[in-house]
Protein backbone atom coordinates (compact mmCIF):
# COMPACT_ATOMS: atom_id res chain seq x y z
CA MET A 1 0.00 0.00 0.00
CA LYS A 2 1.50 3.30 -1.06
CA PRO A 3 1.61 6.22 1.40
CA LEU A 4 -1.35 8.59 1.38
CA THR A 5 -1.20 11.82 -0.54
CA LYS A 6 -1.64 15.14 1.27
CA LYS A 7 -5.23 15.45 0.04
CA GLN A 8 -6.15 11.90 1.09
CA GLN A 9 -4.64 12.56 4.50
CA GLN A 10 -6.75 15.70 4.90
CA TRP A 11 -9.89 13.80 3.90
CA LEU A 12 -9.06 11.08 6.39
CA TRP A 13 -8.72 13.66 9.18
CA PHE A 14 -11.95 15.34 8.13
CA LEU A 15 -13.86 12.05 8.19
CA ALA A 16 -12.34 10.97 11.50
CA LEU A 17 -13.21 14.28 13.17
CA TRP A 18 -16.69 14.32 11.63
CA CYS A 19 -17.45 10.80 12.87
CA GLY A 20 -15.98 11.66 16.27
CA GLY A 21 -18.16 14.75 16.50
CA LEU A 22 -21.25 12.78 15.51
CA ALA A 23 -20.51 10.13 18.14
CA ALA A 24 -19.89 12.80 20.80
CA ALA A 25 -23.19 14.54 19.97
CA ALA A 26 -25.10 11.24 20.15
CA LEU A 27 -23.46 10.37 23.46
CA LEU A 28 -24.27 13.81 24.88
CA ALA A 29 -27.91 13.51 23.80
CA TYR A 30 -28.10 10.06 25.40
CA LEU A 31 -26.58 11.30 28.67
CA VAL A 32 -28.98 14.26 28.81
CA ARG A 33 -31.93 11.91 28.29
CA LEU A 34 -30.58 9.57 30.95
CA ILE A 35 -30.18 12.40 33.47
CA MET A 36 -33.64 13.76 32.65
CA GLY A 37 -35.05 10.27 33.21
CA ILE A 38 -33.32 9.92 36.57
CA ALA A 39 -34.28 13.45 37.67
CA LYS A 40 -37.89 12.88 36.50
CA ILE A 41 -38.26 16.39 35.03
């Protein structure tokens, strides 16, 4: 496998950060729901 080009590397970073952000947002939403459920608001 040949080394990645600069552009491919940038795309890889973009995708990794985008997926990470999506996962973090989903986790945050889940935690908020969990806390709301426990607090019975």
